[in-house]
Amino acid sequence: MSAFNAIGEEREIDRDEFTPGVEPQPTWCPGCGDFGVLKSLKQALPEVGKTPEEVLTVTGIGCSGKLNSYLDTYGFHTIHGRSLPVARAAKLANTDLEVIAAGGDGDGYGIGGNHFVHTARENHDMTYIVFNNEIFGLTKGQTSPTSPKGHKSKTQPSGSAKTPIRPLSQSLTSGASYIARTAAVNPNQAKEIIAEAIEHDGFAHVDFLTQCPTWNKDARQYVPYIDVQESDDYDFDVTDRQEAAEMMHETEDVLNEGTVLTGRYYVDEDRPSYQEEKAAVGELPEEPLAERYFDDDAEWERSYDLLERHT
């Protein structure tokens, strides 16, 4: 079975199919929020009808980078901050493949921040899950881009003098067409949001709050949380860019004051994905590029055959 002949296969899918036989039990610390991401993914993928052979999980470096070791799909473990460019290339080479990229807040918003901005700008058709625990966990507790101002760590022993970034607002400004925030303490909402993100045609960004009980002792467990779609205190249109921006700004303001707001913030179903844009100008392969390796009669295109010579 391969990612070529398995795509589109209709059959019953059991979530246990996504548990690998080699390393079935994650080695994250007890109480880590990363368990919540894994559980939500295992629940969401069968719900949207995806088999393990139809999914590629691309991860960066960090505790979150172990995700594709514990999720039985195709996997690619990249270097720090580089999950998105690899995921983009994979999706362009095989557009029928369901591509999920993942990384931590340091990996995705710091080291790979430039890739985050431009992947959102181009609206690549994939799901990007950022494990946001407000700390560098794997490297033992350094300040990250989302650490609150004043947070003390090994790299900022007197307290961070920097205001944390606003990941939701940055995602909207950059051009993502689906933006949501959920938390490991809200598994039902997390599953629903990830399922929606996977089914969305375009760049779907999920800021996933994951507590770190080992290296971020000062962080809350992100409870109690408030679902902005279910609360009567919040009323905004997720399809209205301005209203979404205002709601995101409020959400990011109050997080470090003890109010945890989660939910869907922005959804644009009308904007074409990057893959659709490339197909419209005839620059997307009609079949997965890797299939050419198995076809002796395939004709390979080279850039020097496509471009006119400079004179």
Protein backbone atom coordinates (compact mmCIF):
# COMPACT_ATOMS: atom_id res chain seq x y z
CA MET A 1 0.00 0.00 0.00
CA SER A 2 1.38 3.43 -0.89
CA ALA A 3 0.32 7.05 -0.71
CA PHE A 4 -0.57 6.78 -4.39
CA ASN A 5 -2.99 3.86 -4.56
CA ALA A 6 -4.41 4.34 -1.04
CA ILE A 7 -5.67 7.89 -1.55
CA GLY A 8 -9.42 8.02 -1.96
CA GLU A 9 -9.95 4.50 -0.66
CA GLU A 10 -13.29 4.29 1.13
CA ARG A 11 -13.30 2.01 4.15
CA GLU A 12 -13.96 2.04 7.87
CA ILE A 13 -11.07 3.57 9.77
CA ASP A 14 -10.23 2.80 13.39
CA ARG A 15 -8.29 5.39 15.39
CA ASP A 16 -6.04 2.56 16.63
CA GLU A 17 -4.61 2.37 13.10
CA PHE A 18 -2.78 5.60 13.87
CA THR A 19 -0.93 4.04 16.82
CA PRO A 20 2.48 2.72 15.67
CA GLY A 21 3.65 -0.71 16.70
CA VAL A 22 7.30 0.28 17.13
CA GLU A 23 6.87 3.11 19.64
CA PRO A 24 3.22 3.13 20.69
CA GLN A 25 3.67 4.86 24.07
CA PRO A 26 4.83 8.50 23.97
CA THR A 27 7.69 9.46 26.27
CA TRP A 28 6.54 13.01 26.98
CA CYS A 29 6.57 14.07 30.62
CA PRO A 30 3.54 13.17 32.75
CA GLY A 31 1.00 15.98 32.48
CA CYS A 32 2.41 17.33 29.20
CA GLY A 33 -0.15 18.98 26.94
CA ASP A 34 1.37 17.28 23.90
CA PHE A 35 -0.64 14.17 24.75
CA GLY A 36 -3.76 16.22 24.01
CA VAL A 37 -2.59 17.06 20.50
CA LEU A 38 -1.84 13.43 19.71
CA LYS A 39 -5.19 12.26 21.05
CA SER A 40 -7.10 14.93 19.13
CA LEU A 41 -5.33 14.02 15.88
CA LYS A 42 -6.03 10.32 16.32
CA GLN A 43 -9.72 11.14 16.80
CA ALA A 44 -9.99 13.72 14.02
CA LEU A 45 -8.32 11.80 11.17
CA PRO A 46 -10.77 8.87 11.10
CA GLU A 47 -13.65 11.32 11.51
CA VAL A 48 -12.71 13.08 8.26
CA GLY A 49 -12.16 9.74 6.53
CA LYS A 50 -8.36 9.76 6.30
CA THR A 51 -6.33 6.56 6.46
CA PRO A 52 -2.71 6.44 7.67
CA GLU A 53 -1.56 5.97 4.06
CA GLU A 54 -3.21 9.24 3.02
CA VAL A 55 -1.48 11.45 5.59
CA LEU A 56 1.99 12.98 5.89
CA THR A 57 3.00 14.48 9.24
CA VAL A 58 5.95 16.90 9.07
CA THR A 59 7.49 18.05 12.34
CA GLY A 60 10.26 20.34 13.52
CA ILE A 61 12.65 20.02 16.46
CA GLY A 62 11.45 20.01 20.04
CA CYS A 63 9.11 17.93 22.17
CA SER A 64 6.48 18.40 19.48
CA GLY A 65 8.89 16.94 16.93
CA LYS A 66 8.17 13.47 18.33
CA LEU A 67 4.58 13.68 17.11
CA ASN A 68 5.18 11.69 13.95
CA SER A 69 7.00 9.01 15.97
CA TYR A 70 3.78 8.41 17.89
CA LEU A 71 1.39 8.84 14.96
CA ASP A 72 1.41 6.06 12.37
CA THR A 73 1.31 8.06 9.15
CA TYR A 74 4.00 8.97 6.65
CA GLY A 75 6.40 11.20 8.58
CA PHE A 76 9.26 13.63 8.02
CA HIS A 77 11.26 14.95 10.99
CA THR A 78 12.90 18.19 9.81
CA ILE A 79 15.44 20.50 11.41
CA HIS A 80 14.52 23.38 13.71
CA GLY A 81 11.92 25.73 12.24
CA ARG A 82 11.76 24.00 8.85
CA SER A 83 8.61 21.88 8.98
CA LEU A 84 6.61 24.26 6.77
CA PRO A 85 8.88 24.43 3.68
CA VAL A 86 9.15 20.63 3.66
CA ALA A 87 5.37 20.32 4.07
CA ARG A 88 4.81 22.81 1.24
CA ALA A 89 7.06 20.87 -1.11
CA ALA A 90 5.35 17.58 -0.27
CA LYS A 91 1.90 19.03 -0.91
CA LEU A 92 2.98 20.48 -4.26
CA ALA A 93 4.51 17.14 -5.29
CA ASN A 94 1.39 15.17 -4.32
CA THR A 95 -1.67 17.38 -3.92
CA ASP A 96 -3.92 14.48 -2.92
CA LEU A 97 -1.82 13.81 0.17
CA GLU A 98 -3.20 15.22 3.44
CA VAL A 99 -0.30 17.22 4.87
CA ILE A 100 -0.11 18.15 8.56
CA ALA A 101 2.80 20.26 9.80
CA ALA A 102 3.58 20.68 13.47
CA GLY A 103 6.08 22.47 15.69
CA GLY A 104 6.46 24.22 19.01
CA ASP A 105 6.09 27.94 19.68
CA GLY A 106 9.86 28.43 19.58
CA ASP A 107 10.16 26.27 16.48
CA GLY A 108 7.23 27.82 14.61
CA TYR A 109 6.97 31.41 15.79
CA GLY A 110 10.68 32.01 16.41
CA ILE A 111 13.19 30.01 14.40
CA GLY A 112 10.70 29.24 11.63
CA GLY A 113 8.74 32.48 11.87
CA ASN A 114 9.60 33.58 8.33
CA HIS A 115 8.24 30.31 6.92
CA PHE A 116 5.07 30.75 8.98
CA VAL A 117 4.44 34.21 7.54
CA HIS A 118 4.97 33.25 3.92
CA THR A 119 3.14 29.92 4.07
CA ALA A 120 0.13 31.82 5.40
CA ARG A 121 0.58 34.55 2.79
CA GLU A 122 0.54 32.01 -0.03
CA ASN A 123 -2.33 30.03 1.55
CA HIS A 124 -0.82 26.58 1.09
CA ASP A 125 -3.39 23.82 1.53
CA MET A 126 -2.28 22.17 4.77
CA THR A 127 -2.88 22.11 8.51
CA TYR A 128 -0.31 23.71 10.81
CA ILE A 129 -0.52 22.85 14.51
CA VAL A 130 1.68 24.87 16.85
CA PHE A 131 2.23 23.35 20.29
CA ASN A 132 2.22 26.58 22.31
CA ASN A 133 3.52 26.07 25.86
CA GLU A 134 5.21 29.48 26.16
CA ILE A 135 8.67 27.92 26.65
CA PHE A 136 11.48 26.05 24.90
CA GLY A 137 10.86 22.62 26.42
CA LEU A 138 13.26 20.17 24.78
CA THR A 139 16.27 22.42 25.41
CA LYS A 140 15.28 22.69 29.07
CA GLY A 141 13.37 25.87 29.68
CA GLN A 142 14.50 28.93 27.76
CA THR A 143 12.26 31.93 27.04
CA SER A 144 10.28 31.51 23.81
CA PRO A 145 8.48 34.04 21.56
CA THR A 146 5.21 33.44 23.45
CA SER A 147 6.63 33.62 26.98
CA PRO A 148 4.86 36.41 28.89
CA LYS A 149 6.68 39.60 29.77
CA GLY A 150 8.46 39.21 33.09
CA HIS A 151 8.76 35.43 32.80
CA LYS A 152 12.00 34.20 34.40
CA SER A 153 14.00 31.49 32.67
CA LYS A 154 17.58 30.30 32.09
CA THR A 155 18.01 32.86 29.33
CA GLN A 156 16.12 35.64 31.12
CA PRO A 157 16.90 35.14 34.84
CA SER A 158 15.71 38.64 35.72
CA GLY A 159 12.52 38.24 33.73
CA SER A 160 11.79 38.72 30.05
CA ALA A 161 11.71 42.36 29.00
CA LYS A 162 9.99 41.44 25.75
CA THR A 163 6.26 41.46 24.99
CA PRO A 164 5.17 38.08 23.57
CA ILE A 165 4.14 37.82 19.96
CA ARG A 166 0.48 37.64 18.95
CA PRO A 167 0.29 34.41 16.92
CA LEU A 168 -3.39 34.66 15.97
CA SER A 169 -3.10 38.27 14.84
CA GLN A 170 0.11 37.56 12.97
CA SER A 171 -1.53 34.64 11.21
CA LEU A 172 -4.44 36.81 10.09
CA THR A 173 -2.19 39.63 8.94
CA SER A 174 -0.05 37.18 6.99
CA GLY A 175 -3.02 35.68 5.14
CA ALA A 176 -4.07 32.37 6.71
CA SER A 177 -7.59 31.39 5.68
CA TYR A 178 -8.47 29.33 8.79
CA ILE A 179 -7.32 30.38 12.25
CA ALA A 180 -8.26 28.80 15.57
CA ARG A 181 -6.99 28.33 19.11
CA THR A 182 -7.68 25.33 21.29
CA ALA A 183 -6.13 23.72 24.37
CA ALA A 184 -5.11 20.30 25.61
CA VAL A 185 -7.55 20.67 28.49
CA ASN A 186 -10.45 20.90 26.00
CA PRO A 187 -10.17 17.61 24.04
CA ASN A 188 -13.62 17.71 22.45
CA GLN A 189 -13.14 21.18 21.02
CA ALA A 190 -9.58 20.30 19.96
CA LYS A 191 -10.79 17.29 17.97
CA GLU A 192 -13.50 19.33 16.24
CA ILE A 193 -11.14 22.18 15.37
CA ILE A 194 -8.44 19.88 14.00
CA ALA A 195 -11.04 18.05 11.90
CA GLU A 196 -12.24 21.38 10.48
CA ALA A 197 -8.65 22.47 9.82
CA ILE A 198 -7.90 19.26 7.92
CA GLU A 199 -11.00 19.63 5.76
CA HIS A 200 -10.32 23.31 5.04
CA ASP A 201 -8.96 24.11 1.58
CA GLY A 202 -6.12 26.50 2.32
CA PHE A 203 -3.70 27.25 5.14
CA ALA A 204 -5.29 26.24 8.44
CA HIS A 205 -3.40 27.45 11.52
CA VAL A 206 -4.24 25.96 14.92
CA ASP A 207 -2.56 27.56 17.95
CA PHE A 208 -2.75 24.66 20.42
CA LEU A 209 -2.14 25.62 24.07
CA THR A 210 -0.12 22.80 25.65
CA GLN A 211 0.93 23.09 29.27
CA CYS A 212 4.53 22.19 30.23
CA PRO A 213 4.63 21.06 33.88
CA THR A 214 8.39 20.34 33.77
CA TRP A 215 10.04 23.47 32.34
CA ASN A 216 7.35 26.12 32.66
CA LYS A 217 6.32 25.90 36.29
CA ASP A 218 4.81 29.40 36.24
CA ALA A 219 2.44 28.62 33.37
CA ARG A 220 -1.19 27.99 34.06
CA GLN A 221 -2.82 24.78 32.92
CA TYR A 222 -5.00 26.94 30.63
CA VAL A 223 -8.06 26.37 32.78
CA PRO A 224 -10.70 27.47 33.10
CA TYR A 225 -11.09 28.11 29.40
CA ILE A 226 -13.91 29.86 27.56
CA ASP A 227 -15.15 28.77 24.15
CA VAL A 228 -15.86 32.01 22.31
CA GLN A 229 -18.47 30.29 20.13
CA GLU A 230 -20.44 29.03 23.14
CA SER A 231 -20.16 32.04 25.44
CA ASP A 232 -22.82 34.75 25.41
CA ASP A 233 -20.13 37.31 26.26
CA TYR A 234 -18.52 37.11 22.83
CA ASP A 235 -20.31 37.69 19.56
CA PHE A 236 -18.40 38.11 16.32
CA ASP A 237 -18.51 36.90 12.72
CA VAL A 238 -15.63 34.51 11.93
CA THR A 239 -15.95 35.38 8.25
CA ASP A 240 -15.52 39.11 8.91
CA ARG A 241 -11.82 39.97 8.90
CA GLN A 242 -12.18 43.11 11.01
CA GLU A 243 -14.33 41.47 13.67
CA ALA A 244 -11.96 38.50 13.76
CA ALA A 245 -8.97 40.82 14.22
CA GLU A 246 -10.62 42.57 17.16
CA MET A 247 -11.53 39.25 18.81
CA MET A 248 -8.00 37.92 18.33
CA HIS A 249 -6.53 41.07 19.86
CA GLU A 250 -8.71 40.70 22.94
CA THR A 251 -7.89 36.99 23.21
CA GLU A 252 -4.16 37.69 23.13
CA ASP A 253 -4.48 40.56 25.61
CA VAL A 254 -6.21 38.54 28.31
CA LEU A 255 -4.30 35.22 28.05
CA ASN A 256 -1.54 36.34 30.40
CA GLU A 257 -4.10 37.92 32.72
CA GLY A 258 -5.68 34.54 33.47
CA THR A 259 -8.54 34.43 30.94
CA VAL A 260 -8.13 31.64 28.38
CA LEU A 261 -10.26 32.16 25.27
CA THR A 262 -10.39 29.42 22.64
CA GLY A 263 -12.37 28.67 19.50
CA ARG A 264 -12.57 29.52 15.82
CA TYR A 265 -11.46 33.04 14.96
CA TYR A 266 -11.34 33.37 11.19
CA VAL A 267 -12.57 31.28 8.27
CA ASP A 268 -12.30 32.27 4.60
CA GLU A 269 -13.74 29.56 2.36
CA ASP A 270 -13.60 31.65 -0.81
CA ARG A 271 -9.89 32.35 -1.13
CA PRO A 272 -8.16 29.92 -3.52
CA SER A 273 -5.32 27.85 -2.08
CA TYR A 274 -1.80 28.10 -3.46
CA GLN A 275 -2.25 24.72 -5.10
CA GLU A 276 -5.41 25.92 -6.86
CA GLU A 277 -3.61 29.06 -8.02
CA LYS A 278 -0.73 26.99 -9.44
CA ALA A 279 -3.11 24.61 -11.17
CA ALA A 280 -4.92 27.54 -12.78
CA VAL A 281 -1.72 28.63 -14.55
CA GLY A 282 -0.72 25.09 -15.48
CA GLU A 283 2.20 24.78 -13.06
CA LEU A 284 0.97 21.90 -10.92
CA PRO A 285 1.67 18.25 -11.83
CA GLU A 286 -1.40 16.28 -12.83
CA GLU A 287 -0.10 13.24 -10.94
CA PRO A 288 2.21 12.89 -7.93
CA LEU A 289 5.78 13.61 -8.98
CA ALA A 290 7.12 10.59 -7.12
CA GLU A 291 5.14 8.29 -9.41
CA ARG A 292 7.59 9.19 -12.15
CA TYR A 293 10.25 7.21 -10.33
CA PHE A 294 8.20 4.10 -10.99
CA ASP A 295 7.41 4.96 -14.62
CA ASP A 296 10.21 4.22 -17.06
CA ASP A 297 8.42 6.19 -19.77
CA ALA A 298 7.96 9.36 -17.69
CA GLU A 299 9.42 12.54 -19.13
CA TRP A 300 11.25 14.69 -16.60
CA GLU A 301 11.03 18.46 -16.93
CA ARG A 302 14.06 20.60 -16.19
CA SER A 303 14.08 24.30 -15.42
CA TYR A 304 16.42 25.04 -18.33
CA ASP A 305 13.83 23.51 -20.66
CA LEU A 306 11.10 25.79 -19.32
CA LEU A 307 12.89 29.13 -19.21
CA GLU A 308 13.98 31.25 -22.15
CA ARG A 309 17.67 31.98 -22.42
CA HIS A 310 18.88 35.45 -21.49
CA THR A 311 20.27 37.30 -24.50
